[in-house]
Amino acid sequence: MNLYELIKNRKEKISVTGLGYVGLPLAISFAKVAEVVGYDTSKEKVKQYLKGIDVTKEVGDIAVKETTAFLTWEEKYLQDCKFHIVAVPTPINPDKTPNLRPLVEASKTVGRNLTKGSIVVYESTVYPGVTEEICMPILEEESGLKCGVDFKVGYSPERINPGDKEHRLETIVKVVSGMDEEALEIIAKVYELVVKAGVYKAESIKVAEAAKVIENSQRDINIAFMNELSIIFNKLGIDTKAVLEAAGTKWNFLKFTPGLVGGHCIGVDPYYLTYKAEQMGYHSQIILAGRKINDDMGKYVAENVVKNMIKADKQIKGSTVAIFGVTFKENCPDVRNTKVVDVIKELEEYGVIVKVVDPVADKEDLWKTYGIKLYDIEEINDVDAVVFAVAHEKFQSMKLEDIKKMYNNIWNNHPEAIKEIAVTADERKNENKYVLIDVKGIFDRKEAEKMNFQYWRL
């Protein structure tokens, strides 16, 4: 029997290194059809899983509690496995160059525990060539084994969309690749055990690596175009959302929307491709131009918060702004590379006190990574402006009437004062402006303006 048959008959095990947003769903899904060891260097994270708590919110507490996967922070258990999947993050450095350290360390760990007859498959997003030129030599050095003789490698890019309950591991076509035909066939069959949508066999590992890195680059460029349109239309006094709704009636119009582009994929992957292009002597023009627009959007949003506060005669220094949503996308606890942090930092440079509300965000990770404290909605009052930065489901159900109660407004909080202060209708109207920055267009503009909100959105 080949390795696929042994895995299918539960005579050999699959390992998943890296139990985050990608690795955990993988481990739990494979555990339904095979023997699985899930390994992560974070003892704290694994302990949460062992308690039945899904810190990623990707599969749910019940699935974590009931899984038969053996979850551990001890690498020695990798020695019991023959099919290794590496699903660790591939971030960027402050200078926007690829940070391959997590991948290198994971390769060393797997290499130390590699046995003859194994296959190692990488899922981390990389530029073309990383698997064969960087990871493969590390596996050989650490294991003392020869690649192609004692073990083989492959690459199958992750396509999980964090927070998306529709497009899951099982329902997305899986691109697979291997160093030779034998490895490719085994890798394809192993993934077919769990991926109901089927697999696509790429002709080489480099092709699969390139396919992954351009998927998010394409999306990044399209969103950058929407962000640029938003900047133009705001200057023209035209509502961007209204324009996109009108244009969207054409059958072949691509329905992207403006927004803050962060996270560990779209905001990172393009830099992996442009880095490799630079090495080959080509300086990217379109990809980097799109990245620059998206990287600057946090500052742009913050500037418009300040401009709208000034229009409403609000003092900037010492004012309080509530920001609703800090994760990199809606309904997902992940705060890695979130551009909402750029908005917060920029506002703080103006002397603004920022209070952040996010019932979904990973509170500990947010504090550890950015030093940002979360507030409960009930704690938000006497603020000068409200910013809805992320379109969480919980925020979409909020009413403008309830949001009004959060502002620092004499007429709102002390109606009895109206009897004692003689003011004209125009003065009262000016005083009663509620600054609302609706980045993702959650609320109805006309309704908001009718209720005397100083309303702005991308």
Protein backbone atom coordinates (compact mmCIF):
# COMPACT_ATOMS: atom_id res chain seq x y z
CA MET A 1 0.00 0.00 0.00
CA ASN A 2 1.19 3.54 -0.74
CA LEU A 3 1.04 6.35 1.81
CA TYR A 4 -2.48 7.39 0.78
CA GLU A 5 -3.86 3.90 1.42
CA LEU A 6 -2.07 3.71 4.76
CA ILE A 7 -3.55 7.04 5.83
CA LYS A 8 -7.02 6.09 4.62
CA ASN A 9 -6.83 2.84 6.61
CA ARG A 10 -5.57 4.75 9.68
CA LYS A 11 -2.23 2.93 9.69
CA GLU A 12 -0.24 6.16 9.21
CA LYS A 13 -0.90 9.61 10.62
CA ILE A 14 -1.24 13.14 9.28
CA SER A 15 0.36 16.01 11.17
CA VAL A 16 -0.65 19.67 10.97
CA THR A 17 1.95 22.16 12.18
CA GLY A 18 0.42 25.52 13.07
CA LEU A 19 -3.05 25.46 14.63
CA GLY A 20 -4.33 28.86 13.67
CA TYR A 21 -7.11 29.99 11.33
CA VAL A 22 -5.88 27.60 8.63
CA GLY A 23 -4.33 24.74 10.58
CA LEU A 24 -7.11 24.13 13.09
CA PRO A 25 -9.87 23.58 10.49
CA LEU A 26 -7.45 21.32 8.60
CA ALA A 27 -6.67 19.18 11.64
CA ILE A 28 -10.31 18.85 12.65
CA SER A 29 -11.50 18.06 9.13
CA PHE A 30 -8.82 15.41 8.52
CA ALA A 31 -9.47 13.89 11.95
CA LYS A 32 -12.90 12.79 10.70
CA VAL A 33 -11.29 10.43 8.18
CA ALA A 34 -7.75 9.80 9.47
CA GLU A 35 -5.43 9.76 12.48
CA VAL A 36 -4.23 13.33 13.07
CA VAL A 37 -1.66 15.06 15.25
CA GLY A 38 -2.10 18.82 15.54
CA TYR A 39 1.00 20.68 16.71
CA ASP A 40 1.50 24.31 17.70
CA THR A 41 4.33 26.02 19.56
CA SER A 42 1.82 28.00 21.65
CA LYS A 43 1.14 26.00 24.80
CA GLU A 44 -1.54 28.51 25.84
CA LYS A 45 -3.43 28.16 22.55
CA VAL A 46 -3.37 24.35 22.65
CA LYS A 47 -4.58 24.38 26.26
CA GLN A 48 -7.58 26.46 25.16
CA TYR A 49 -8.35 23.91 22.45
CA LEU A 50 -8.07 21.06 24.95
CA LYS A 51 -10.66 22.86 27.06
CA GLY A 52 -12.96 22.91 24.04
CA ILE A 53 -12.51 26.63 23.30
CA ASP A 54 -12.03 27.62 19.68
CA VAL A 55 -9.95 30.81 19.91
CA THR A 56 -10.07 31.21 16.12
CA LYS A 57 -13.90 31.08 15.96
CA GLU A 58 -13.44 29.16 12.70
CA VAL A 59 -14.90 25.74 13.56
CA GLY A 60 -16.70 26.38 16.86
CA ASP A 61 -16.23 25.11 20.41
CA ILE A 62 -18.23 21.91 19.87
CA ALA A 63 -16.08 20.79 16.94
CA VAL A 64 -12.90 21.44 18.95
CA LYS A 65 -14.27 19.61 21.97
CA GLU A 66 -15.42 16.57 20.00
CA THR A 67 -12.47 16.20 17.60
CA THR A 68 -10.41 13.01 17.70
CA ALA A 69 -7.31 14.94 16.59
CA PHE A 70 -4.46 14.73 19.09
CA LEU A 71 -3.53 18.37 19.80
CA THR A 72 -0.17 19.08 21.37
CA TRP A 73 2.64 21.60 21.91
CA GLU A 74 5.28 18.82 22.05
CA GLU A 75 7.03 18.27 18.74
CA LYS A 76 8.08 14.68 19.52
CA TYR A 77 4.63 13.46 18.44
CA LEU A 78 5.41 14.53 14.88
CA GLN A 79 7.71 11.51 14.66
CA ASP A 80 4.62 9.29 14.59
CA CYS A 81 3.37 10.91 11.36
CA LYS A 82 4.16 10.35 7.69
CA PHE A 83 2.12 13.08 5.97
CA HIS A 84 3.08 16.52 7.31
CA ILE A 85 1.16 19.71 6.56
CA VAL A 86 2.79 23.04 7.46
CA ALA A 87 0.29 25.87 7.94
CA VAL A 88 2.14 28.66 9.71
CA PRO A 89 1.77 32.39 9.00
CA THR A 90 4.05 34.20 6.56
CA PRO A 91 4.00 37.88 7.62
CA ILE A 92 6.09 40.79 6.38
CA ASN A 93 8.83 42.80 8.08
CA PRO A 94 8.45 46.52 8.87
CA ASP A 95 10.24 47.27 5.56
CA LYS A 96 7.57 45.25 3.67
CA THR A 97 9.91 42.36 2.85
CA PRO A 98 8.85 38.73 3.46
CA ASN A 99 9.34 37.41 6.99
CA LEU A 100 9.99 33.70 6.49
CA ARG A 101 11.10 33.04 10.05
CA PRO A 102 7.91 31.17 11.12
CA LEU A 103 8.20 28.99 8.00
CA VAL A 104 11.90 28.35 8.55
CA GLU A 105 11.36 27.40 12.20
CA ALA A 106 8.45 25.13 11.30
CA SER A 107 10.61 23.44 8.64
CA LYS A 108 13.34 22.86 11.22
CA THR A 109 10.81 21.34 13.63
CA VAL A 110 9.32 19.02 11.02
CA GLY A 111 12.81 18.18 9.75
CA ARG A 112 13.99 17.13 13.21
CA ASN A 113 11.11 14.69 13.40
CA LEU A 114 11.02 13.51 9.79
CA THR A 115 11.19 9.80 8.98
CA LYS A 116 11.77 7.90 5.73
CA GLY A 117 8.80 7.58 3.42
CA SER A 118 7.22 10.88 4.50
CA ILE A 119 5.65 13.68 2.46
CA VAL A 120 5.75 17.31 3.62
CA VAL A 121 3.15 19.70 2.19
CA TYR A 122 3.36 23.46 2.70
CA GLU A 123 0.20 25.60 2.81
CA SER A 124 1.73 28.95 3.83
CA THR A 125 1.61 31.75 1.27
CA VAL A 126 5.04 32.30 -0.27
CA TYR A 127 6.65 33.64 -3.42
CA PRO A 128 7.53 31.12 -6.15
CA GLY A 129 10.59 29.06 -5.22
CA VAL A 130 10.39 29.12 -1.41
CA THR A 131 9.28 25.50 -0.97
CA GLU A 132 12.05 24.00 -3.09
CA GLU A 133 14.82 26.56 -2.55
CA ILE A 134 14.42 27.37 1.16
CA CYS A 135 12.23 24.78 2.91
CA MET A 136 13.50 21.64 1.18
CA PRO A 137 17.20 22.17 2.13
CA ILE A 138 16.20 22.82 5.75
CA LEU A 139 14.26 19.55 5.88
CA GLU A 140 17.29 17.71 4.49
CA GLU A 141 19.73 19.34 6.88
CA GLU A 142 17.65 18.76 9.99
CA SER A 143 16.64 15.19 9.15
CA GLY A 144 19.80 13.93 7.50
CA LEU A 145 17.54 12.49 4.80
CA LYS A 146 17.61 13.06 1.04
CA CYS A 147 14.66 14.78 -0.62
CA GLY A 148 13.30 12.79 -3.55
CA VAL A 149 14.78 9.60 -2.13
CA ASP A 150 13.84 9.41 1.56
CA PHE A 151 10.98 11.93 1.58
CA LYS A 152 9.09 14.19 -0.82
CA VAL A 153 7.55 17.66 -0.73
CA GLY A 154 4.52 19.39 -2.14
CA TYR A 155 2.63 22.65 -1.94
CA SER A 156 -1.10 23.24 -1.56
CA PRO A 157 -2.02 26.89 -0.90
CA GLU A 158 -4.63 27.57 1.76
CA ARG A 159 -7.80 29.21 0.53
CA ILE A 160 -9.75 29.47 3.77
CA ASN A 161 -11.55 32.77 4.15
CA PRO A 162 -11.57 33.65 7.89
CA GLY A 163 -15.02 34.42 9.23
CA ASP A 164 -16.72 33.05 6.09
CA LYS A 165 -19.10 30.22 6.98
CA GLU A 166 -19.94 29.46 3.36
CA HIS A 167 -16.53 29.14 1.72
CA ARG A 168 -14.81 26.55 3.87
CA LEU A 169 -11.99 24.03 3.42
CA GLU A 170 -14.47 21.41 2.21
CA THR A 171 -16.26 23.66 -0.29
CA ILE A 172 -13.32 25.39 -2.02
CA VAL A 173 -11.42 23.70 -4.86
CA LYS A 174 -7.96 22.84 -3.51
CA VAL A 175 -4.89 23.50 -5.64
CA VAL A 176 -2.27 20.78 -5.05
CA SER A 177 1.24 20.24 -6.36
CA GLY A 178 4.11 17.83 -5.81
CA MET A 179 7.78 17.53 -6.65
CA ASP A 180 7.03 14.56 -8.92
CA GLU A 181 4.04 12.61 -10.25
CA GLU A 182 4.03 10.10 -7.39
CA ALA A 183 3.99 12.82 -4.73
CA LEU A 184 1.33 14.76 -6.65
CA GLU A 185 -1.01 11.76 -6.85
CA ILE A 186 -0.69 10.92 -3.15
CA ILE A 187 -1.13 14.55 -2.06
CA ALA A 188 -4.19 14.93 -4.31
CA LYS A 189 -5.84 11.77 -2.98
CA VAL A 190 -5.16 12.69 0.66
CA TYR A 191 -6.79 16.11 0.24
CA GLU A 192 -9.69 14.58 -1.66
CA LEU A 193 -10.56 12.77 1.57
CA VAL A 194 -11.87 16.04 2.99
CA VAL A 195 -12.24 18.53 0.12
CA LYS A 196 -15.66 17.80 -1.38
CA ALA A 197 -15.23 20.50 -4.05
CA GLY A 198 -12.31 18.52 -5.51
CA VAL A 199 -8.68 19.29 -6.21
CA TYR A 200 -6.83 20.97 -9.06
CA LYS A 201 -3.42 19.52 -9.90
CA ALA A 202 -0.97 22.31 -10.68
CA GLU A 203 1.82 21.37 -13.04
CA SER A 204 4.56 22.32 -10.59
CA ILE A 205 5.16 23.57 -7.07
CA LYS A 206 6.19 27.00 -8.37
CA VAL A 207 2.98 27.30 -10.38
CA ALA A 208 0.92 26.53 -7.25
CA GLU A 209 2.95 29.05 -5.20
CA ALA A 210 2.45 31.71 -7.88
CA ALA A 211 -1.28 30.97 -8.20
CA LYS A 212 -1.80 31.59 -4.50
CA VAL A 213 0.15 34.81 -4.32
CA ILE A 214 -1.69 36.37 -7.28
CA GLU A 215 -5.17 35.50 -5.96
CA ASN A 216 -4.90 38.06 -3.18
CA SER A 217 -2.84 40.47 -5.29
CA GLN A 218 -5.72 40.63 -7.77
CA ARG A 219 -8.23 41.35 -5.01
CA ASP A 220 -5.89 43.95 -3.48
CA ILE A 221 -5.63 45.84 -6.78
CA ASN A 222 -9.40 45.81 -7.30
CA ILE A 223 -10.05 47.20 -3.81
CA ALA A 224 -7.32 49.81 -4.33
CA PHE A 225 -9.21 50.97 -7.43
CA MET A 226 -12.39 51.30 -5.36
CA ASN A 227 -10.50 53.24 -2.68
CA GLU A 228 -9.10 55.61 -5.28
CA LEU A 229 -12.59 56.12 -6.70
CA SER A 230 -13.82 56.88 -3.19
CA ILE A 231 -11.16 59.57 -2.74
CA ILE A 232 -12.10 61.14 -6.10
CA PHE A 233 -15.85 61.00 -5.53
CA ASN A 234 -15.54 62.47 -2.03
CA LYS A 235 -13.75 65.44 -3.54
CA LEU A 236 -16.55 65.75 -6.11
CA GLY A 237 -19.24 65.51 -3.44
CA ILE A 238 -20.62 62.28 -4.95
CA ASP A 239 -21.65 59.26 -2.84
CA THR A 240 -19.36 56.36 -3.80
CA LYS A 241 -21.81 53.68 -2.68
CA ALA A 242 -24.52 55.19 -4.89
CA VAL A 243 -22.13 55.22 -7.86
CA LEU A 244 -21.14 51.57 -7.34
CA GLU A 245 -24.78 50.50 -7.03
CA ALA A 246 -25.57 52.20 -10.33
CA ALA A 247 -22.50 50.77 -12.10
CA GLY A 248 -23.22 47.35 -10.60
CA THR A 249 -26.33 46.98 -12.74
CA LYS A 250 -24.07 46.09 -15.67
CA TRP A 251 -23.61 42.32 -15.95
CA ASN A 252 -19.81 42.34 -16.11
CA PHE A 253 -19.06 45.05 -13.52
CA LEU A 254 -16.88 43.62 -10.73
CA LYS A 255 -18.61 44.30 -7.42
CA PHE A 256 -15.79 45.35 -5.13
CA THR A 257 -16.18 48.03 -2.45
CA PRO A 258 -13.75 50.48 -0.80
CA GLY A 259 -12.39 49.73 2.66
CA LEU A 260 -9.44 49.20 4.98
CA VAL A 261 -7.36 46.34 3.57
CA GLY A 262 -5.45 44.49 6.28
CA GLY A 263 -5.09 40.96 7.57
CA HIS A 264 -2.48 38.32 6.97
CA CYS A 265 -3.36 37.72 3.29
CA ILE A 266 -4.51 40.58 1.07
CA GLY A 267 -2.43 43.19 2.90
CA VAL A 268 0.67 40.98 2.85
CA ASP A 269 0.75 38.60 -0.13
CA PRO A 270 1.38 41.23 -2.84
CA TYR A 271 4.66 42.14 -1.14
CA TYR A 272 5.85 38.53 -1.49
CA LEU A 273 5.36 38.70 -5.25
CA THR A 274 6.91 42.16 -5.67
CA TYR A 275 9.89 41.10 -3.51
CA LYS A 276 10.62 38.19 -5.84
CA ALA A 277 10.11 40.44 -8.87
CA GLU A 278 12.70 42.89 -7.48
CA GLN A 279 15.16 40.01 -7.08
CA MET A 280 14.66 39.24 -10.75
CA GLY A 281 15.28 42.88 -11.72
CA TYR A 282 11.70 44.00 -12.26
CA HIS A 283 10.10 46.80 -10.26
CA SER A 284 6.36 46.31 -9.91
CA GLN A 285 4.18 49.23 -10.98
CA ILE A 286 0.51 48.25 -10.71
CA ILE A 287 0.81 45.94 -7.68
CA LEU A 288 2.84 48.39 -5.58
CA ALA A 289 0.67 51.33 -6.65
CA GLY A 290 -2.38 49.46 -5.37
CA ARG A 291 -0.58 48.58 -2.15
CA LYS A 292 0.35 52.21 -1.55
CA ILE A 293 -3.27 53.35 -1.88
CA ASN A 294 -4.52 50.63 0.48
CA ASP A 295 -1.72 51.16 3.00
CA ASP A 296 -2.61 54.87 3.21
CA MET A 297 -6.36 54.43 3.73
CA GLY A 298 -6.14 54.33 7.53
CA LYS A 299 -4.60 57.79 7.55
CA TYR A 300 -7.17 58.99 5.01
CA VAL A 301 -10.08 57.82 7.18
CA ALA A 302 -8.58 59.47 10.28
CA GLU A 303 -8.13 62.76 8.42
CA ASN A 304 -11.80 62.68 7.42
CA VAL A 305 -12.83 62.00 11.00
CA VAL A 306 -11.02 65.19 11.99
CA LYS A 307 -12.39 67.20 9.04
CA ASN A 308 -15.96 66.22 9.86
CA MET A 309 -15.46 67.04 13.55
CA ILE A 310 -14.20 70.47 12.55
CA LYS A 311 -17.26 70.96 10.30
CA ALA A 312 -19.41 70.17 13.34
CA ASP A 313 -17.44 72.71 15.43
CA LYS A 314 -15.93 70.02 17.66
CA GLN A 315 -12.63 70.65 19.40
CA ILE A 316 -10.10 68.08 18.26
CA LYS A 317 -7.45 67.95 20.98
CA GLY A 318 -8.84 66.23 24.05
CA SER A 319 -11.97 65.02 22.24
CA THR A 320 -13.18 61.43 22.50
CA VAL A 321 -13.85 59.23 19.49
CA ALA A 322 -15.43 55.77 19.70
CA ILE A 323 -14.31 53.26 17.10
CA PHE A 324 -16.54 50.27 16.49
CA GLY A 325 -14.58 47.34 15.08
CA VAL A 326 -10.84 46.70 15.14
CA THR A 327 -10.40 43.30 13.47
CA PHE A 328 -9.08 43.13 9.92
CA LYS A 329 -12.47 41.96 8.61
CA GLU A 330 -16.06 41.48 9.74
CA ASN A 331 -17.15 38.63 12.03
CA CYS A 332 -13.58 37.43 12.55
CA PRO A 333 -11.51 37.76 15.76
CA ASP A 334 -8.19 38.11 13.89
CA VAL A 335 -6.44 41.45 14.49
CA ARG A 336 -3.24 40.70 12.58
CA ASN A 337 -2.19 43.61 10.35
CA THR A 338 -5.51 45.38 10.86
CA LYS A 339 -5.59 48.82 9.27
CA VAL A 340 -8.02 50.09 11.89
CA VAL A 341 -4.94 50.48 14.09
CA ASP A 342 -3.64 53.04 11.57
CA VAL A 343 -6.83 55.06 12.10
CA ILE A 344 -6.40 54.89 15.87
CA LYS A 345 -2.73 55.91 15.81
CA GLU A 346 -3.39 58.82 13.47
CA LEU A 347 -6.25 60.13 15.64
CA GLU A 348 -4.09 59.85 18.76
CA GLU A 349 -1.48 62.05 17.04
CA TYR A 350 -4.16 64.75 16.87
CA GLY A 351 -4.58 64.45 20.65
CA VAL A 352 -7.82 62.49 20.38
CA ILE A 353 -8.82 59.98 23.08
CA VAL A 354 -9.89 56.78 21.29
CA LYS A 355 -12.18 54.14 22.77
CA VAL A 356 -12.47 50.88 20.85
CA VAL A 357 -15.47 48.55 20.86
CA ASP A 358 -15.31 45.09 19.31
CA PRO A 359 -17.27 42.12 20.67
CA VAL A 360 -15.57 39.79 18.16
CA ALA A 361 -11.87 40.71 18.46
CA ASP A 362 -9.33 38.59 20.32
CA LYS A 363 -8.93 40.81 23.39
CA GLU A 364 -5.63 39.32 24.58
CA ASP A 365 -4.04 39.40 21.14
CA LEU A 366 -5.14 43.00 20.62
CA TRP A 367 -3.57 44.10 23.90
CA LYS A 368 -0.39 42.06 23.41
CA THR A 369 0.16 43.19 19.81
CA TYR A 370 -1.02 46.82 19.87
CA GLY A 371 -1.59 47.77 23.52
CA ILE A 372 -5.21 48.58 22.74
CA LYS A 373 -7.90 48.12 25.40
CA LEU A 374 -11.46 47.15 24.46
CA TYR A 375 -14.58 48.79 25.90
CA ASP A 376 -18.11 47.45 26.16
CA ILE A 377 -20.83 49.28 24.22
CA GLU A 378 -22.41 50.29 27.54
CA GLU A 379 -19.23 52.20 28.42
CA ILE A 380 -19.47 54.45 25.36
CA ASN A 381 -20.98 57.79 26.28
CA ASP A 382 -20.09 61.48 26.07
CA VAL A 383 -18.12 60.94 22.84
CA ASP A 384 -17.59 63.58 20.16
CA ALA A 385 -17.61 61.24 17.17
CA VAL A 386 -18.37 57.62 16.36
CA VAL A 387 -16.52 55.60 13.72
CA PHE A 388 -17.84 52.29 12.40
CA ALA A 389 -14.70 50.74 10.93
CA VAL A 390 -15.75 47.07 10.60
CA ALA A 391 -19.15 45.77 9.48
CA HIS A 392 -19.67 43.09 12.15
CA GLU A 393 -23.15 41.55 12.11
CA LYS A 394 -23.70 42.84 15.65
CA PHE A 395 -23.07 46.40 14.47
CA GLN A 396 -25.37 46.11 11.47
CA SER A 397 -28.33 45.54 13.79
CA MET A 398 -27.71 48.78 15.70
CA LYS A 399 -30.13 51.70 15.34
CA LEU A 400 -29.17 55.31 14.73
CA GLU A 401 -31.41 56.34 17.64
CA ASP A 402 -29.28 54.25 20.00
CA ILE A 403 -26.03 55.58 18.54
CA LYS A 404 -27.20 59.17 19.20
CA LYS A 405 -27.28 58.49 22.93
CA MET A 406 -23.50 57.91 22.94
CA TYR A 407 -22.59 61.51 22.07
CA ASN A 408 -21.42 64.33 24.29
CA ASN A 409 -24.24 66.72 23.51
CA ILE A 410 -25.93 69.19 25.83
CA TRP A 411 -29.27 68.86 24.05
CA ASN A 412 -29.07 65.10 24.02
CA ASN A 413 -27.97 64.58 27.61
CA HIS A 414 -29.51 67.60 29.35
CA PRO A 415 -32.80 68.54 27.66
CA GLU A 416 -33.77 70.59 30.71
CA ALA A 417 -30.97 73.01 29.86
CA ILE A 418 -32.87 74.10 26.75
CA LYS A 419 -35.34 76.01 28.90
CA GLU A 420 -32.57 77.97 30.59
CA ILE A 421 -30.46 78.85 27.55
CA ALA A 422 -31.77 81.16 24.88
CA VAL A 423 -30.43 80.01 21.50
CA THR A 424 -31.54 80.44 17.94
CA ALA A 425 -32.70 77.49 15.84
CA ASP A 426 -29.54 77.72 13.69
CA GLU A 427 -27.27 77.62 16.74
CA ARG A 428 -29.17 74.67 18.15
CA LYS A 429 -28.89 72.80 14.83
CA ASN A 430 -25.14 73.43 14.65
CA GLU A 431 -24.63 72.34 18.26
CA ASN A 432 -26.59 69.17 17.66
CA LYS A 433 -24.39 67.66 14.95
CA TYR A 434 -23.56 64.01 15.57
CA VAL A 435 -20.34 63.11 13.74
CA LEU A 436 -20.72 59.60 12.29
CA ILE A 437 -17.98 58.04 10.15
CA ASP A 438 -19.41 54.94 8.49
CA VAL A 439 -16.39 53.40 6.72
CA LYS A 440 -18.24 50.40 5.26
CA GLY A 441 -21.59 52.08 4.63
CA ILE A 442 -23.59 50.16 7.24
CA PHE A 443 -26.20 52.88 7.70
CA ASP A 444 -28.51 54.75 5.34
CA ARG A 445 -26.98 58.12 4.48
CA LYS A 446 -30.29 59.95 3.93
CA GLU A 447 -31.76 58.66 7.17
CA ALA A 448 -28.63 59.65 9.09
CA GLU A 449 -28.55 63.17 7.63
CA LYS A 450 -32.27 63.59 8.34
CA MET A 451 -31.49 62.78 11.99
CA ASN A 452 -28.84 65.54 12.01
CA PHE A 453 -25.77 63.32 11.77
CA GLN A 454 -22.62 64.78 10.23
CA TYR A 455 -22.28 61.65 8.07
CA TRP A 456 -19.30 60.47 6.02
CA ARG A 457 -18.31 57.18 4.42
CA LEU A 458 -15.80 55.85 1.94
